[in-house]
C-alpha atoms as a PDB file:
ATOM      1  CA  ARG A   1       7.673 122.369  68.619  1.00  0.00           C
ATOM      2  CA  TYR A   2       9.621 119.189  67.956  1.00  0.00           C
ATOM      3  CA  LYS A   3       8.392 117.655  71.233  1.00  0.00           C
ATOM      4  CA  GLN A   4       4.828 118.656  70.343  1.00  0.00           C
ATOM      5  CA  PHE A   5       5.244 117.036  66.941  1.00  0.00           C
ATOM      6  CA  LEU A   6       6.571 113.803  68.494  1.00  0.00           C
ATOM      7  CA  ALA A   7       3.731 113.811  71.006  1.00  0.00           C
ATOM      8  CA  ARG A   8       1.372 113.406  68.032  1.00  0.00           C
ATOM      9  CA  LYS A   9       3.332 110.495  66.522  1.00  0.00           C
ATOM     10  CA  ASP A  10       0.439 108.006  66.841  1.00  0.00           C
ATOM     11  CA  GLU A  11      -1.920 110.442  65.125  1.00  0.00           C
ATOM     12  CA  TRP A  12       0.518 110.956  62.231  1.00  0.00           C
ATOM     13  CA  GLN A  13       1.101 107.234  61.874  1.00  0.00           C
ATOM     14  CA  ARG A  14      -2.649 106.545  61.808  1.00  0.00           C
ATOM     15  CA  LYS A  15      -3.088 109.138  59.074  1.00  0.00           C
ATOM     16  CA  ALA A  16      -0.224 107.568  57.126  1.00  0.00           C
ATOM     17  CA  ALA A  17      -1.859 104.124  57.533  1.00  0.00           C
ATOM     18  CA  GLU A  18      -5.115 105.485  56.085  1.00  0.00           C
ATOM     19  CA  LYS A  19      -3.159 106.821  53.096  1.00  0.00           C
ATOM     20  CA  VAL A  20      -1.646 103.362  52.606  1.00  0.00           C
ATOM     21  CA  ILE A  21      -5.145 101.848  52.650  1.00  0.00           C
ATOM     22  CA  ALA A  22      -6.275 104.376  50.043  1.00  0.00           C
ATOM     23  CA  GLN A  23      -3.323 103.471  47.817  1.00  0.00           C
ATOM     24  CA  LEU A  24      -3.938  99.748  48.256  1.00  0.00           C
ATOM     25  CA  ARG A  25      -7.594 100.252  47.286  1.00  0.00           C
ATOM     26  CA  LYS A  26      -6.406 102.058  44.195  1.00  0.00           C
ATOM     27  CA  ASP A  27      -3.907  99.292  43.383  1.00  0.00           C
ATOM     28  CA  PHE A  28      -6.093  96.247  44.086  1.00  0.00           C
ATOM     29  CA  GLY A  29      -9.683  97.497  43.817  1.00  0.00           C
ATOM     30  CA  GLU A  30     -12.823  96.965  45.809  1.00  0.00           C
ATOM     31  CA  GLY A  31     -12.767  93.158  45.523  1.00  0.00           C
ATOM     32  CA  TYR A  32     -10.273  93.033  48.373  1.00  0.00           C
ATOM     33  CA  LEU A  33     -10.839  93.395  52.106  1.00  0.00           C
ATOM     34  CA  TYR A  34      -8.908  96.188  53.832  1.00  0.00           C
ATOM     35  CA  ASP A  35      -8.335  96.675  57.514  1.00  0.00           C
ATOM     36  CA  VAL A  36      -5.961  98.349  59.940  1.00  0.00           C
ATOM     37  CA  ASP A  37      -4.909  96.941  63.294  1.00  0.00           C
ATOM     38  CA  HIS A  38      -3.693 100.011  65.160  1.00  0.00           C
ATOM     39  CA  THR A  39      -2.639  98.030  68.234  1.00  0.00           C
ATOM     40  CA  ASP A  40      -0.083  95.884  66.396  1.00  0.00           C
ATOM     41  CA  LYS A  41       0.475  98.423  63.590  1.00  0.00           C
ATOM     42  CA  LEU A  42      -0.632  96.125  60.786  1.00  0.00           C
ATOM     43  CA  ILE A  43      -2.387  97.062  57.556  1.00  0.00           C
ATOM     44  CA  PHE A  44      -4.250  94.335  55.668  1.00  0.00           C
ATOM     45  CA  ALA A  45      -5.234  94.013  52.007  1.00  0.00           C
ATOM     46  CA  THR A  46      -6.530  90.532  51.259  1.00  0.00           C
ATOM     47  CA  ASN A  47      -8.358  88.757  48.488  1.00  0.00           C
ATOM     48  CA  THR A  48     -10.185  86.555  51.010  1.00  0.00           C
ATOM     49  CA  ASP A  49     -13.452  86.400  52.883  1.00  0.00           C
ATOM     50  CA  THR A  50     -14.035  88.047  56.258  1.00  0.00           C
ATOM     51  CA  GLN A  51     -13.563  84.798  58.219  1.00  0.00           C
ATOM     52  CA  THR A  52     -10.169  84.165  56.607  1.00  0.00           C
ATOM     53  CA  LEU A  53      -9.073  87.746  57.282  1.00  0.00           C
ATOM     54  CA  ALA A  54     -10.177  87.405  60.923  1.00  0.00           C
ATOM     55  CA  ALA A  55      -8.234  84.127  61.251  1.00  0.00           C
ATOM     56  CA  LEU A  56      -5.153  85.724  59.670  1.00  0.00           C
ATOM     57  CA  LYS A  57      -5.304  88.680  62.060  1.00  0.00           C
ATOM     58  CA  LYS A  58      -5.725  86.338  65.035  1.00  0.00           C
ATOM     59  CA  TRP A  59      -2.777  84.153  63.944  1.00  0.00           C
ATOM     60  CA  LEU A  60      -0.409  87.075  63.276  1.00  0.00           C
ATOM     61  CA  SER A  61      -1.345  88.787  66.520  1.00  0.00           C
ATOM     62  CA  ALA A  62      -0.666  85.575  68.455  1.00  0.00           C
ATOM     63  CA  GLN A  63       2.564  84.994  66.517  1.00  0.00           C
ATOM     64  CA  ALA A  64       3.765  88.523  67.257  1.00  0.00           C
ATOM     65  CA  ARG A  65       3.014  88.225  70.974  1.00  0.00           C
ATOM     66  CA  SER A  66       4.746  84.862  71.204  1.00  0.00           C
ATOM     67  CA  GLN A  67       7.831  86.027  69.338  1.00  0.00           C
ATOM     68  CA  TRP A  68       8.011  89.262  71.360  1.00  0.00           C
ATOM     69  CA  ALA A  69       7.917  87.233  74.564  1.00  0.00           C
ATOM     70  CA  ALA A  70      10.499  84.673  73.441  1.00  0.00           C
ATOM     71  CA  LEU A  71      12.747  86.313  70.896  1.00  0.00           C
ATOM     72  CA  PHE A  72      12.258  89.919  69.850  1.00  0.00           C
ATOM     73  CA  GLU A  73      12.459  92.742  72.367  1.00  0.00           C
ATOM     74  CA  HIS A  74      11.143  95.559  70.149  1.00  0.00           C
ATOM     75  CA  LYS A  75       7.746  95.894  68.521  1.00  0.00           C
ATOM     76  CA  PRO A  76       7.327  97.535  65.119  1.00  0.00           C
ATOM     77  CA  ASP A  77       7.568 101.307  65.329  1.00  0.00           C
ATOM     78  CA  GLN A  78       5.931 101.751  61.926  1.00  0.00           C
ATOM     79  CA  TYR A  79       2.932 100.115  60.304  1.00  0.00           C
ATOM     80  CA  ILE A  80       3.541  96.962  58.265  1.00  0.00           C
ATOM     81  CA  SER A  81       1.352  96.173  55.251  1.00  0.00           C
ATOM     82  CA  ILE A  82       0.258  92.544  54.921  1.00  0.00           C
ATOM     83  CA  ILE A  83      -0.852  91.746  51.362  1.00  0.00           C
ATOM     84  CA  LEU A  84      -2.524  88.469  50.433  1.00  0.00           C
ATOM     85  CA  PRO A  85      -3.281  89.003  46.730  1.00  0.00           C
ATOM     86  CA  SER A  86      -5.287  86.957  44.273  1.00  0.00           C
ATOM     87  CA  ALA A  87      -3.334  84.380  42.266  1.00  0.00           C
ATOM     88  CA  SER A  88      -3.354  86.592  39.173  1.00  0.00           C
ATOM     89  CA  ASP A  89      -2.282  89.700  41.123  1.00  0.00           C
ATOM     90  CA  TYR A  90       0.483  87.718  42.797  1.00  0.00           C
ATOM     91  CA  LYS A  91       1.846  86.615  39.407  1.00  0.00           C
ATOM     92  CA  GLN A  92       2.010  90.255  38.340  1.00  0.00           C
ATOM     93  CA  ILE A  93       3.805  91.294  41.534  1.00  0.00           C
ATOM     94  CA  VAL A  94       6.191  88.346  41.854  1.00  0.00           C
ATOM     95  CA  THR A  95       7.437  87.203  38.472  1.00  0.00           C
ATOM     96  CA  ARG A  96      10.183  84.939  39.771  1.00  0.00           C
ATOM     97  CA  PRO A  97       9.018  81.300  39.886  1.00  0.00           C
ATOM     98  CA  GLY A  98       9.168  79.441  43.167  1.00  0.00           C
ATOM     99  CA  VAL A  99       8.933  82.521  45.383  1.00  0.00           C
ATOM    100  CA  GLY A 100       6.020  82.099  47.777  1.00  0.00           C
ATOM    101  CA  GLY A 101       6.319  85.513  49.376  1.00  0.00           C
ATOM    102  CA  PHE A 102       8.656  88.203  50.621  1.00  0.00           C
ATOM    103  CA  TYR A 103       9.038  90.931  53.180  1.00  0.00           C
ATOM    104  CA  ASN A 104      10.521  94.270  52.100  1.00  0.00           C
ATOM    105  CA  HIS A 105      11.565  96.100  55.241  1.00  0.00           C
ATOM    106  CA  GLU A 106      12.390  99.372  53.513  1.00  0.00           C
ATOM    107  CA  ASN A 107       8.751  99.691  52.429  1.00  0.00           C
ATOM    108  CA  ARG A 108       7.334  97.738  55.409  1.00  0.00           C
ATOM    109  CA  ILE A 109       5.381  95.432  53.100  1.00  0.00           C
ATOM    110  CA  LEU A 110       4.819  91.693  53.288  1.00  0.00           C
ATOM    111  CA  ILE A 111       3.347  89.905  50.284  1.00  0.00           C
ATOM    112  CA  ALA A 112       2.457  86.225  50.542  1.00  0.00           C
ATOM    113  CA  GLN A 113       1.058  83.903  47.924  1.00  0.00           C
ATOM    114  CA  ARG A 114      -0.839  81.928  50.535  1.00  0.00           C
ATOM    115  CA  LEU A 115      -1.492  81.522  54.231  1.00  0.00           C
ATOM    116  CA  GLY A 116       0.223  78.997  56.465  1.00  0.00           C
ATOM    117  CA  GLN A 117       3.962  78.462  56.414  1.00  0.00           C
ATOM    118  CA  VAL A 118       4.669  81.183  53.854  1.00  0.00           C
ATOM    119  CA  MET A 119       2.830  83.840  55.866  1.00  0.00           C
ATOM    120  CA  THR A 120       4.386  82.729  59.158  1.00  0.00           C
ATOM    121  CA  HIS A 121       7.869  82.731  57.592  1.00  0.00           C
ATOM    122  CA  GLU A 122       7.540  86.205  56.091  1.00  0.00           C
ATOM    123  CA  PHE A 123       5.915  87.642  59.213  1.00  0.00           C
ATOM    124  CA  THR A 124       8.870  86.389  61.264  1.00  0.00           C
ATOM    125  CA  HIS A 125      11.077  88.444  58.936  1.00  0.00           C
ATOM    126  CA  ALA A 126       8.907  91.500  59.634  1.00  0.00           C
ATOM    127  CA  MET A 127       9.089  91.023  63.405  1.00  0.00           C
ATOM    128  CA  HIS A 128      12.846  90.376  63.249  1.00  0.00           C
ATOM    129  CA  ALA A 129      13.501  93.482  61.147  1.00  0.00           C
ATOM    130  CA  ALA A 130      11.391  95.617  63.513  1.00  0.00           C
ATOM    131  CA  ASP A 131      13.455  94.318  66.414  1.00  0.00           C
ATOM    132  CA  LEU A 132      16.731  95.173  64.676  1.00  0.00           C
ATOM    133  CA  ASP A 133      15.832  98.795  63.859  1.00  0.00           C
ATOM    134  CA  PRO A 134      16.218 100.274  67.353  1.00  0.00           C
ATOM    135  CA  LEU A 135      19.332  98.157  67.916  1.00  0.00           C
ATOM    136  CA  GLY A 136      20.973  99.482  64.771  1.00  0.00           C
ATOM    137  CA  GLN A 137      21.894  95.947  63.832  1.00  0.00           C
ATOM    138  CA  GLU A 138      21.905  93.892  60.661  1.00  0.00           C
ATOM    139  CA  HIS A 139      21.976  90.113  60.770  1.00  0.00           C
ATOM    140  CA  PRO A 140      23.408  87.844  58.084  1.00  0.00           C
ATOM    141  CA  ILE A 141      21.006  86.137  55.688  1.00  0.00           C
ATOM    142  CA  TRP A 142      21.634  82.700  57.171  1.00  0.00           C
ATOM    143  CA  LEU A 143      20.411  83.964  60.542  1.00  0.00           C
ATOM    144  CA  THR A 144      17.342  85.828  59.258  1.00  0.00           C
ATOM    145  CA  GLU A 145      16.297  82.932  57.020  1.00  0.00           C
ATOM    146  CA  GLY A 146      17.101  80.442  59.757  1.00  0.00           C
ATOM    147  CA  LEU A 147      14.781  82.170  62.234  1.00  0.00           C
ATOM    148  CA  ALA A 148      11.965  82.438  59.711  1.00  0.00           C
ATOM    149  CA  THR A 149      12.376  78.810  58.638  1.00  0.00           C
ATOM    150  CA  MET A 150      12.454  77.649  62.246  1.00  0.00           C
ATOM    151  CA  TYR A 151       9.015  79.157  62.904  1.00  0.00           C
ATOM    152  CA  GLU A 152       7.232  78.562  59.591  1.00  0.00           C
ATOM    153  CA  ALA A 153       5.964  75.078  60.513  1.00  0.00           C
ATOM    154  CA  GLY A 154       5.481  75.990  64.146  1.00  0.00           C
ATOM    155  CA  GLN A 155       2.273  75.347  66.016  1.00  0.00           C
ATOM    156  CA  PHE A 156       0.826  76.979  69.093  1.00  0.00           C
ATOM    157  CA  GLU A 157       1.003  75.277  72.446  1.00  0.00           C
ATOM    158  CA  ASN A 158      -1.144  77.467  74.654  1.00  0.00           C
ATOM    159  CA  ASP A 159       0.012  80.976  73.652  1.00  0.00           C
ATOM    160  CA  VAL A 160       3.496  79.967  72.526  1.00  0.00           C
ATOM    161  CA  LEU A 161       4.433  79.460  68.884  1.00  0.00           C
ATOM    162  CA  VAL A 162       6.696  76.427  69.151  1.00  0.00           C
ATOM    163  CA  PRO A 163       9.197  75.966  66.301  1.00  0.00           C
ATOM    164  CA  ALA A 164       8.943  72.714  64.363  1.00  0.00           C
ATOM    165  CA  ASP A 165      10.767  70.836  61.644  1.00  0.00           C
ATOM    166  CA  ASN A 166       9.487  71.631  58.167  1.00  0.00           C
ATOM    167  CA  PHE A 167       9.519  70.089  54.721  1.00  0.00           C
ATOM    168  CA  ARG A 168      13.120  71.209  54.118  1.00  0.00           C
ATOM    169  CA  LEU A 169      14.675  69.009  56.814  1.00  0.00           C
ATOM    170  CA  PRO A 170      14.684  65.676  54.925  1.00  0.00           C
ATOM    171  CA  VAL A 171      16.269  67.375  51.895  1.00  0.00           C
ATOM    172  CA  LEU A 172      18.963  68.923  54.088  1.00  0.00           C
ATOM    173  CA  LYS A 173      19.651  65.619  55.824  1.00  0.00           C
ATOM    174  CA  GLN A 174      19.966  63.861  52.495  1.00  0.00           C
ATOM    175  CA  ALA A 175      22.340  66.522  51.183  1.00  0.00           C
END
């Protein structure tokens, strides 16, 4: 029976993803766009238009593929929720000033104040954490933040997300 149960893992995970969508709808309302990418196991709740959501999905999918090819061996085994809330909703969720986003691996939820470097940074955390799970590893904060910072200003060259220096470098050099 256990093997039969495991054979239906994808079905159970899809049902769980639909429950997450239902809860997100309850939390954020009908003004948001909701979507599930079953291939990459991503759940979206965004306060954007359809074109922005499509661009976000395209970017994250490309980022994931690039980082899997270059850096992370394991793909997420569980769905990850990507939340891009309105400014007012974000202020209610994240009350600490100066925090542009976060990834909580225990709950598999990424919340970003805006697209761009913040989203890329936090999504790198999600991909890194998913890679560590099957390895049974934990990495120190300097390594996890270093990887995310390395990619946040990255740009694609063909299908490869190439790391780039970001706005923090001049401050670090001066220090």
